[in-house]
């Protein structure tokens, strides 16, 4: 008898069963070697990996703020191409959102006190305390508003409110 037949007979298996079990054992050992060498990561590591965004939210906010600023009125002596009269363009009236952006940049989250956070609609003293603790746990570095969803009591609606009143830096 061959060695493989003797092993299969002693284990009470057929040759194909022994082959399958041997292959599974080889792949298991290969997985252990790769994991110990650092080539395999746990699934939890992939869930915690932050995917990069093309633009940061503060950069997009600054672009929006610049776009919403009222344009300087055209000079009285400027003549539009093809016109023989001075330009009578109406000055653009800033929207209420652009007025808010121009006059009130918002509360800077990195330095905001609990009392300042409580001035935001829908933020109680308890939730303000949770936000302060959240900031401390991140050493003051919150880069995206989506991160606030990790705070108990903050859902999509409150997140929208925070985006209107907070500034991340």
N, C-alpha and C. Protein backbone atom coordinates (compact mmCIF):
# COMPACT_ATOMS: atom_id res chain seq x y z
N UNK A 1 0.83 -1.19 0.00
CA UNK A 1 0.00 0.00 0.00
C UNK A 1 0.87 1.24 0.00
N UNK A 2 0.33 2.23 -0.61
CA UNK A 2 1.05 3.49 -0.64
C UNK A 2 0.79 4.25 0.67
N UNK A 3 1.61 5.23 0.93
CA UNK A 3 1.54 5.98 2.20
C UNK A 3 0.20 6.69 2.32
N UNK A 4 -0.25 7.30 1.25
CA UNK A 4 -1.51 8.03 1.30
C UNK A 4 -2.67 7.07 1.58
N UNK A 5 -2.65 5.89 0.99
CA UNK A 5 -3.70 4.91 1.23
C UNK A 5 -3.68 4.43 2.69
N UNK A 6 -2.48 4.25 3.25
CA UNK A 6 -2.39 3.82 4.65
C UNK A 6 -2.92 4.89 5.59
N UNK A 7 -2.61 6.18 5.33
CA UNK A 7 -3.09 7.27 6.18
C UNK A 7 -4.61 7.36 6.08
N UNK A 8 -5.14 7.28 4.85
CA UNK A 8 -6.58 7.34 4.65
C UNK A 8 -7.27 6.19 5.37
N UNK A 9 -6.70 5.01 5.29
CA UNK A 9 -7.30 3.85 5.94
C UNK A 9 -7.26 3.99 7.46
N UNK A 10 -6.14 4.51 7.99
CA UNK A 10 -6.04 4.66 9.44
C UNK A 10 -6.99 5.73 9.97
N UNK A 11 -7.31 6.74 9.16
CA UNK A 11 -8.25 7.80 9.58
C UNK A 11 -9.69 7.46 9.22
N UNK A 12 -9.86 6.40 8.47
CA UNK A 12 -11.21 6.01 8.08
C UNK A 12 -11.77 6.91 7.00
N UNK A 13 -10.92 7.34 6.09
CA UNK A 13 -11.34 8.25 5.03
C UNK A 13 -11.00 7.62 3.68
N UNK A 14 -11.64 8.16 2.64
CA UNK A 14 -11.27 7.76 1.29
C UNK A 14 -10.14 8.66 0.81
N UNK A 15 -9.51 8.26 -0.30
CA UNK A 15 -8.40 9.07 -0.84
C UNK A 15 -8.85 10.48 -1.23
N UNK A 16 -10.01 10.65 -1.91
CA UNK A 16 -10.43 12.02 -2.23
C UNK A 16 -10.71 12.86 -0.98
N UNK A 17 -11.29 12.26 0.05
CA UNK A 17 -11.54 12.99 1.29
C UNK A 17 -10.23 13.43 1.93
N UNK A 18 -9.25 12.55 1.92
CA UNK A 18 -7.94 12.88 2.47
C UNK A 18 -7.29 14.02 1.68
N UNK A 19 -7.46 14.01 0.35
CA UNK A 19 -6.90 15.07 -0.49
C UNK A 19 -7.54 16.42 -0.15
N UNK A 20 -8.85 16.45 0.01
CA UNK A 20 -9.55 17.70 0.33
C UNK A 20 -9.11 18.20 1.70
N UNK A 21 -9.05 17.34 2.69
CA UNK A 21 -8.63 17.73 4.03
C UNK A 21 -7.19 18.23 4.01
N UNK A 22 -6.34 17.59 3.23
CA UNK A 22 -4.94 18.02 3.13
C UNK A 22 -4.84 19.41 2.51
N UNK A 23 -5.62 19.68 1.46
CA UNK A 23 -5.60 21.00 0.83
C UNK A 23 -6.12 22.07 1.79
N UNK A 24 -7.18 21.75 2.52
CA UNK A 24 -7.69 22.72 3.51
C UNK A 24 -6.65 23.01 4.58
N UNK A 25 -5.95 22.01 5.01
CA UNK A 25 -4.91 22.19 6.02
C UNK A 25 -3.77 23.05 5.48
N UNK A 26 -3.39 22.83 4.21
CA UNK A 26 -2.32 23.62 3.60
C UNK A 26 -2.75 25.09 3.51
N UNK A 27 -4.00 25.35 3.05
CA UNK A 27 -4.46 26.74 2.95
C UNK A 27 -4.59 27.39 4.33
N UNK A 28 -4.99 26.66 5.32
CA UNK A 28 -5.07 27.20 6.68
C UNK A 28 -3.68 27.60 7.17
N UNK A 29 -2.70 26.73 6.97
CA UNK A 29 -1.33 27.04 7.39
C UNK A 29 -0.77 28.22 6.60
N UNK A 30 -1.08 28.29 5.31
CA UNK A 30 -0.63 29.41 4.49
C UNK A 30 -1.24 30.72 5.01
N UNK A 31 -2.51 30.69 5.39
CA UNK A 31 -3.16 31.88 5.96
C UNK A 31 -2.51 32.32 7.24
N UNK A 32 -2.15 31.38 8.10
CA UNK A 32 -1.47 31.73 9.35
C UNK A 32 -0.12 32.37 9.09
N UNK A 33 0.62 31.83 8.12
CA UNK A 33 1.93 32.38 7.80
C UNK A 33 1.79 33.80 7.25
N UNK A 34 0.82 34.01 6.34
CA UNK A 34 0.63 35.35 5.76
C UNK A 34 0.16 36.35 6.81
N UNK A 35 -0.71 35.94 7.71
CA UNK A 35 -1.19 36.85 8.75
C UNK A 35 -0.06 37.23 9.69
N UNK A 36 0.76 36.26 10.08
CA UNK A 36 1.86 36.58 10.99
C UNK A 36 2.92 37.44 10.32
N UNK A 37 3.03 37.33 8.98
CA UNK A 37 3.99 38.16 8.26
C UNK A 37 3.45 39.57 8.01
N UNK A 38 2.15 39.78 8.28
CA UNK A 38 1.58 41.13 8.12
C UNK A 38 0.97 41.38 6.76
N UNK A 39 0.81 40.35 5.94
CA UNK A 39 0.23 40.54 4.61
C UNK A 39 -1.30 40.52 4.62
N UNK A 40 -1.91 40.08 5.71
CA UNK A 40 -3.36 39.98 5.81
C UNK A 40 -3.82 40.86 6.97
N UNK A 41 -4.85 41.67 6.71
CA UNK A 41 -5.40 42.53 7.76
C UNK A 41 -6.80 42.06 8.12
N UNK A 42 -7.21 42.36 9.33
CA UNK A 42 -8.55 42.01 9.79
C UNK A 42 -9.58 42.89 9.10
N UNK A 43 -10.80 42.41 8.99
CA UNK A 43 -11.88 43.17 8.36
C UNK A 43 -12.15 44.46 9.13
N UNK A 44 -11.97 44.44 10.44
CA UNK A 44 -12.20 45.65 11.24
C UNK A 44 -11.24 46.76 10.85
N UNK A 45 -10.03 46.42 10.42
CA UNK A 45 -9.07 47.43 9.98
C UNK A 45 -9.58 48.15 8.73
N UNK A 46 -10.26 47.42 7.85
CA UNK A 46 -10.78 48.04 6.63
C UNK A 46 -11.97 48.94 6.94
N UNK A 47 -12.78 48.57 7.93
CA UNK A 47 -13.92 49.40 8.28
C UNK A 47 -13.48 50.72 8.87
N UNK A 48 -12.34 50.74 9.57
CA UNK A 48 -11.86 51.96 10.21
C UNK A 48 -11.01 52.81 9.28
N UNK A 49 -10.69 52.29 8.10
CA UNK A 49 -9.88 53.04 7.16
C UNK A 49 -10.70 54.20 6.60
N UNK A 50 -10.15 55.38 6.69
CA UNK A 50 -10.84 56.56 6.19
C UNK A 50 -10.49 56.71 4.72
N UNK A 51 -11.52 56.77 3.89
CA UNK A 51 -11.28 56.96 2.48
C UNK A 51 -11.11 58.45 2.23
N UNK A 52 -10.13 58.77 1.41
CA UNK A 52 -9.85 60.18 1.17
C UNK A 52 -10.92 60.79 0.28
N UNK A 53 -11.22 62.03 0.54
CA UNK A 53 -12.19 62.77 -0.26
C UNK A 53 -11.40 63.69 -1.18
N UNK A 54 -11.94 63.99 -2.35
CA UNK A 54 -11.19 64.84 -3.27
C UNK A 54 -10.96 66.25 -2.72
N UNK A 55 -11.93 66.80 -1.97
CA UNK A 55 -11.78 68.12 -1.39
C UNK A 55 -12.26 68.07 0.05
N UNK A 56 -11.60 68.79 0.94
CA UNK A 56 -12.06 68.84 2.32
C UNK A 56 -13.29 69.74 2.39
N UNK A 57 -14.10 69.53 3.43
CA UNK A 57 -15.32 70.32 3.57
C UNK A 57 -15.02 71.80 3.80
N UNK A 58 -13.94 72.09 4.51
CA UNK A 58 -13.60 73.50 4.74
C UNK A 58 -13.20 74.18 3.43
N UNK A 59 -12.53 73.43 2.55
CA UNK A 59 -12.15 73.99 1.25
C UNK A 59 -13.39 74.28 0.42
N UNK A 60 -14.34 73.34 0.40
CA UNK A 60 -15.58 73.53 -0.35
C UNK A 60 -16.37 74.70 0.24
N UNK A 61 -16.43 74.78 1.57
CA UNK A 61 -17.13 75.89 2.22
C UNK A 61 -16.51 77.23 1.83
N UNK A 62 -15.19 77.30 1.78
CA UNK A 62 -14.54 78.56 1.41
C UNK A 62 -14.84 78.91 -0.04
N UNK A 63 -14.91 77.91 -0.92
CA UNK A 63 -15.27 78.19 -2.32
C UNK A 63 -16.70 78.69 -2.44
N UNK A 64 -17.62 78.07 -1.67
CA UNK A 64 -19.01 78.52 -1.70
C UNK A 64 -19.13 79.95 -1.16
N UNK A 65 -18.40 80.23 -0.11
CA UNK A 65 -18.45 81.57 0.47
C UNK A 65 -17.96 82.60 -0.54
N UNK A 66 -16.88 82.28 -1.24
CA UNK A 66 -16.35 83.20 -2.24
C UNK A 66 -17.33 83.38 -3.39
N UNK A 67 -18.02 82.30 -3.77
CA UNK A 67 -18.96 82.38 -4.88
C UNK A 67 -20.21 83.16 -4.51
N UNK A 68 -20.59 83.15 -3.24
CA UNK A 68 -21.81 83.82 -2.81
C UNK A 68 -21.60 85.28 -2.43
N UNK A 69 -20.36 85.74 -2.40
CA UNK A 69 -20.11 87.15 -2.08
C UNK A 69 -20.65 88.01 -3.22
N UNK A 70 -21.27 89.13 -2.87
CA UNK A 70 -21.79 89.99 -3.93
C UNK A 70 -20.65 90.56 -4.76
N UNK A 71 -20.93 90.64 -6.07
CA UNK A 71 -19.90 91.18 -6.98
C UNK A 71 -19.84 92.69 -6.83
N UNK A 72 -18.69 93.25 -7.13
CA UNK A 72 -18.53 94.70 -7.07
C UNK A 72 -19.36 95.31 -8.20
N UNK A 73 -20.11 96.37 -7.91
CA UNK A 73 -20.90 96.99 -8.97
C UNK A 73 -20.01 97.54 -10.07
N UNK A 74 -20.50 97.42 -11.29
CA UNK A 74 -19.73 97.90 -12.44
C UNK A 74 -19.64 99.42 -12.38
N UNK A 75 -18.54 99.94 -12.87
CA UNK A 75 -18.35 101.39 -12.87
C UNK A 75 -19.36 102.09 -13.77
N UNK A 76 -19.66 103.32 -13.48
CA UNK A 76 -20.67 104.04 -14.26
C UNK A 76 -20.20 104.31 -15.68
N UNK A 77 -18.91 104.40 -15.87
CA UNK A 77 -18.39 104.72 -17.19
C UNK A 77 -18.12 103.49 -18.04
N UNK A 78 -18.35 102.30 -17.50
CA UNK A 78 -18.06 101.11 -18.28
C UNK A 78 -19.14 100.90 -19.32
N UNK A 79 -18.72 100.54 -20.50
CA UNK A 79 -19.65 100.31 -21.60
C UNK A 79 -19.55 98.86 -22.00
N UNK A 80 -20.71 98.18 -22.01
CA UNK A 80 -20.71 96.77 -22.39
C UNK A 80 -20.42 96.66 -23.88
N UNK A 81 -19.88 95.54 -24.28
CA UNK A 81 -19.54 95.34 -25.69
C UNK A 81 -20.80 95.41 -26.54
N UNK A 82 -20.78 96.26 -27.57
CA UNK A 82 -21.91 96.38 -28.46
C UNK A 82 -22.94 97.40 -27.98
N UNK A 83 -22.87 97.88 -26.79
CA UNK A 83 -23.82 98.88 -26.27
C UNK A 83 -23.19 100.26 -26.41
N UNK A 84 -24.07 101.23 -26.52
CA UNK A 84 -23.57 102.60 -26.57
C UNK A 84 -23.93 103.37 -25.33
N UNK A 85 -24.59 102.68 -24.37
CA UNK A 85 -24.96 103.31 -23.11
C UNK A 85 -24.17 102.68 -21.98
N UNK A 86 -24.01 103.41 -20.91
CA UNK A 86 -23.38 102.80 -19.75
C UNK A 86 -24.22 101.60 -19.28
N UNK A 87 -23.55 100.65 -18.73
CA UNK A 87 -24.22 99.43 -18.26
C UNK A 87 -25.17 99.76 -17.12
N UNK A 88 -26.39 99.27 -17.24
CA UNK A 88 -27.39 99.51 -16.20
C UNK A 88 -27.73 98.20 -15.50
N UNK A 89 -26.74 97.36 -15.29
CA UNK A 89 -26.98 96.07 -14.63
C UNK A 89 -27.34 96.31 -13.19
N UNK A 90 -28.36 95.58 -12.74
CA UNK A 90 -28.76 95.69 -11.34
C UNK A 90 -27.71 95.02 -10.47
N UNK A 91 -27.36 95.65 -9.38
CA UNK A 91 -26.45 94.95 -8.48
C UNK A 91 -27.15 93.72 -7.92
N UNK A 92 -26.42 92.64 -7.83
CA UNK A 92 -27.02 91.41 -7.32
C UNK A 92 -27.25 91.53 -5.83
N UNK A 93 -28.41 91.08 -5.43
CA UNK A 93 -28.76 91.13 -4.02
C UNK A 93 -28.34 89.83 -3.36
N UNK A 94 -27.53 89.89 -2.31
CA UNK A 94 -27.08 88.65 -1.69
C UNK A 94 -28.25 87.93 -1.05
N UNK A 95 -28.21 86.60 -1.14
CA UNK A 95 -29.26 85.80 -0.52
C UNK A 95 -29.06 85.81 1.00
N UNK A 96 -30.06 85.32 1.70
CA UNK A 96 -29.96 85.30 3.16
C UNK A 96 -28.81 84.39 3.59
N UNK A 97 -28.57 83.31 2.83
CA UNK A 97 -27.48 82.39 3.18
C UNK A 97 -26.13 83.09 3.01
N UNK A 98 -25.96 83.85 1.92
CA UNK A 98 -24.68 84.51 1.73
C UNK A 98 -24.47 85.62 2.76
N UNK A 99 -25.56 86.28 3.18
CA UNK A 99 -25.42 87.27 4.25
C UNK A 99 -24.93 86.60 5.52
N UNK A 100 -25.51 85.42 5.80
CA UNK A 100 -25.12 84.69 7.00
C UNK A 100 -23.65 84.30 6.93
N UNK A 101 -23.21 83.84 5.76
CA UNK A 101 -21.82 83.44 5.62
C UNK A 101 -20.87 84.63 5.73
N UNK A 102 -21.30 85.76 5.19
CA UNK A 102 -20.42 86.91 5.18
C UNK A 102 -20.30 87.54 6.57
N UNK A 103 -21.39 87.56 7.32
CA UNK A 103 -21.34 88.24 8.61
C UNK A 103 -21.00 87.31 9.76
N UNK A 104 -21.47 86.05 9.70
CA UNK A 104 -21.27 85.13 10.81
C UNK A 104 -20.64 83.85 10.29
N UNK A 105 -19.33 83.71 10.46
CA UNK A 105 -18.69 82.52 9.93
C UNK A 105 -19.09 81.26 10.69
N UNK A 106 -19.69 81.39 11.85
CA UNK A 106 -20.11 80.23 12.62
C UNK A 106 -19.24 80.03 13.84
N UNK A 107 -19.55 78.99 14.58
CA UNK A 107 -18.81 78.67 15.80
C UNK A 107 -17.69 77.72 15.43
N UNK A 108 -16.48 78.03 15.83
CA UNK A 108 -15.34 77.17 15.56
C UNK A 108 -15.38 76.01 16.54
N UNK A 109 -15.58 74.80 16.01
CA UNK A 109 -15.79 73.64 16.87
C UNK A 109 -14.56 73.33 17.72
N UNK A 110 -13.37 73.56 17.19
CA UNK A 110 -12.15 73.20 17.91
C UNK A 110 -11.99 74.00 19.20
N UNK A 111 -12.60 75.19 19.28
CA UNK A 111 -12.42 76.04 20.46
C UNK A 111 -13.73 76.37 21.16
N UNK A 112 -14.85 75.82 20.68
CA UNK A 112 -16.16 76.18 21.23
C UNK A 112 -16.35 75.62 22.63
N UNK A 113 -16.97 76.44 23.47
CA UNK A 113 -17.32 75.99 24.83
C UNK A 113 -18.69 75.33 24.77
N UNK A 114 -19.06 74.68 25.85
CA UNK A 114 -20.37 74.04 25.93
C UNK A 114 -21.48 75.08 25.80
N UNK A 115 -21.28 76.25 26.40
CA UNK A 115 -22.29 77.31 26.32
C UNK A 115 -22.48 77.78 24.88
N UNK A 116 -21.38 77.89 24.13
CA UNK A 116 -21.50 78.29 22.73
C UNK A 116 -22.22 77.22 21.91
N UNK A 117 -21.92 75.96 22.19
CA UNK A 117 -22.58 74.88 21.45
C UNK A 117 -24.07 74.82 21.76
N UNK A 118 -24.45 75.20 22.98
CA UNK A 118 -25.86 75.19 23.36
C UNK A 118 -26.66 76.25 22.62
N UNK A 119 -25.99 77.26 22.04
CA UNK A 119 -26.72 78.28 21.28
C UNK A 119 -27.20 77.75 19.94
N UNK A 120 -26.69 76.60 19.52
CA UNK A 120 -27.13 76.00 18.26
C UNK A 120 -28.50 75.37 18.49
N UNK A 121 -29.46 75.62 17.60
CA UNK A 121 -30.80 75.05 17.79
C UNK A 121 -30.75 73.52 17.84
N UNK A 122 -31.43 72.95 18.83
CA UNK A 122 -31.49 71.50 18.96
C UNK A 122 -30.36 70.88 19.75
N UNK A 123 -29.42 71.69 20.25
CA UNK A 123 -28.30 71.17 21.03
C UNK A 123 -28.54 71.51 22.49
N UNK A 124 -28.76 70.47 23.29
CA UNK A 124 -28.99 70.65 24.71
C UNK A 124 -27.65 70.67 25.44
N UNK A 125 -27.70 70.91 26.75
CA UNK A 125 -26.45 70.92 27.52
C UNK A 125 -25.82 69.53 27.56
N UNK A 126 -26.66 68.49 27.58
CA UNK A 126 -26.14 67.12 27.57
C UNK A 126 -25.42 66.82 26.26
N UNK A 127 -26.06 67.20 25.15
CA UNK A 127 -25.47 66.96 23.84
C UNK A 127 -24.22 67.82 23.64
N UNK A 128 -24.23 69.02 24.18
CA UNK A 128 -23.04 69.87 24.09
C UNK A 128 -21.88 69.22 24.84
N UNK A 129 -22.17 68.62 26.00
CA UNK A 129 -21.14 67.89 26.75
C UNK A 129 -20.61 66.70 25.96
N UNK A 130 -21.51 65.99 25.27
CA UNK A 130 -21.07 64.86 24.45
C UNK A 130 -20.17 65.34 23.30
N UNK A 131 -20.52 66.48 22.73
CA UNK A 131 -19.70 67.02 21.64
C UNK A 131 -18.31 67.42 22.15
N UNK A 132 -18.26 67.99 23.35
CA UNK A 132 -16.96 68.35 23.94
C UNK A 132 -16.14 67.08 24.18
N UNK A 133 -16.77 66.04 24.72
CA UNK A 133 -16.06 64.77 24.96
C UNK A 133 -15.59 64.17 23.64
N UNK A 134 -16.42 64.26 22.61
CA UNK A 134 -16.06 63.76 21.29
C UNK A 134 -14.83 64.49 20.77
N UNK A 135 -14.83 65.82 20.96
CA UNK A 135 -13.68 66.62 20.51
C UNK A 135 -12.42 66.22 21.27
N UNK A 136 -12.55 66.00 22.59
CA UNK A 136 -11.39 65.60 23.39
C UNK A 136 -10.87 64.23 22.96
N UNK A 137 -11.79 63.30 22.63
CA UNK A 137 -11.36 61.96 22.21
C UNK A 137 -10.61 62.00 20.89
N UNK A 138 -10.86 63.02 20.08
CA UNK A 138 -10.17 63.17 18.79
C UNK A 138 -9.03 64.18 18.88
N UNK A 139 -8.66 64.60 20.05
CA UNK A 139 -7.63 65.61 20.29
C UNK A 139 -7.92 66.89 19.49
N UNK A 140 -9.21 67.23 19.38
CA UNK A 140 -9.62 68.46 18.72
C UNK A 140 -9.56 68.41 17.21
N UNK A 141 -9.26 67.25 16.63
CA UNK A 141 -9.12 67.15 15.18
C UNK A 141 -10.32 66.43 14.58
N UNK A 142 -11.31 67.20 14.17
CA UNK A 142 -12.46 66.64 13.47
C UNK A 142 -12.40 67.22 12.06
N UNK A 143 -12.22 66.35 11.08
CA UNK A 143 -12.00 66.82 9.71
C UNK A 143 -13.25 66.85 8.86
N UNK A 144 -14.25 66.02 9.19
CA UNK A 144 -15.46 65.95 8.37
C UNK A 144 -16.68 65.98 9.28
N UNK A 145 -17.73 66.57 8.78
CA UNK A 145 -18.97 66.62 9.55
C UNK A 145 -19.56 65.23 9.74
N UNK A 146 -19.30 64.31 8.81
CA UNK A 146 -19.81 62.94 8.95
C UNK A 146 -19.36 62.29 10.24
N UNK A 147 -18.21 62.71 10.76
CA UNK A 147 -17.69 62.12 12.00
C UNK A 147 -18.61 62.37 13.19
N UNK A 148 -19.42 63.43 13.12
CA UNK A 148 -20.33 63.74 14.22
C UNK A 148 -21.41 62.68 14.38
N UNK A 149 -21.63 61.87 13.35
CA UNK A 149 -22.64 60.81 13.46
C UNK A 149 -22.25 59.76 14.49
N UNK A 150 -20.98 59.75 14.92
CA UNK A 150 -20.52 58.83 15.96
C UNK A 150 -20.98 59.26 17.35
N UNK A 151 -21.42 60.51 17.49
CA UNK A 151 -21.86 61.03 18.78
C UNK A 151 -23.31 60.61 19.02
N UNK A 152 -23.57 60.06 20.19
CA UNK A 152 -24.93 59.63 20.53
C UNK A 152 -25.86 60.84 20.54
N UNK A 153 -26.97 60.72 19.85
CA UNK A 153 -27.93 61.81 19.78
C UNK A 153 -27.82 62.67 18.54
N UNK A 154 -26.83 62.38 17.69
CA UNK A 154 -26.67 63.16 16.46
C UNK A 154 -27.05 62.25 15.28
N UNK A 155 -28.11 62.66 14.59
CA UNK A 155 -28.55 61.97 13.39
C UNK A 155 -28.39 62.88 12.19
N UNK A 156 -29.00 62.51 11.09
CA UNK A 156 -28.88 63.30 9.85
C UNK A 156 -29.42 64.72 10.01
N UNK A 157 -30.56 64.87 10.67
CA UNK A 157 -31.17 66.20 10.82
C UNK A 157 -30.28 67.12 11.64
N UNK A 158 -29.81 66.62 12.79
CA UNK A 158 -28.95 67.45 13.65
C UNK A 158 -27.62 67.72 12.96
N UNK A 159 -27.17 66.77 12.17
CA UNK A 159 -25.91 66.97 11.44
C UNK A 159 -26.04 68.15 10.48
N UNK A 160 -27.20 68.25 9.81
CA UNK A 160 -27.42 69.39 8.91
C UNK A 160 -27.41 70.71 9.68
N UNK A 161 -28.00 70.70 10.88
CA UNK A 161 -28.00 71.90 11.72
C UNK A 161 -26.58 72.26 12.12
N UNK A 162 -25.79 71.26 12.51
CA UNK A 162 -24.40 71.52 12.90
C UNK A 162 -23.60 72.08 11.72
N UNK A 163 -23.86 71.57 10.52
CA UNK A 163 -23.13 72.07 9.35
C UNK A 163 -23.43 73.54 9.10
N UNK A 164 -24.63 73.98 9.44
CA UNK A 164 -24.99 75.39 9.25
C UNK A 164 -24.34 76.30 10.26
N UNK A 165 -24.05 75.77 11.47
CA UNK A 165 -23.60 76.65 12.55
C UNK A 165 -22.14 76.44 12.97
N UNK A 166 -21.54 75.33 12.61
CA UNK A 166 -20.17 75.05 13.03
C UNK A 166 -19.19 75.22 11.89
N UNK A 167 -17.96 75.53 12.26
CA UNK A 167 -16.86 75.62 11.31
C UNK A 167 -15.79 74.65 11.80
N UNK A 168 -15.35 73.76 10.90
CA UNK A 168 -14.27 72.84 11.24
C UNK A 168 -12.97 73.44 10.75
N UNK A 169 -11.96 73.43 11.59
CA UNK A 169 -10.65 73.98 11.18
C UNK A 169 -9.58 73.02 11.57
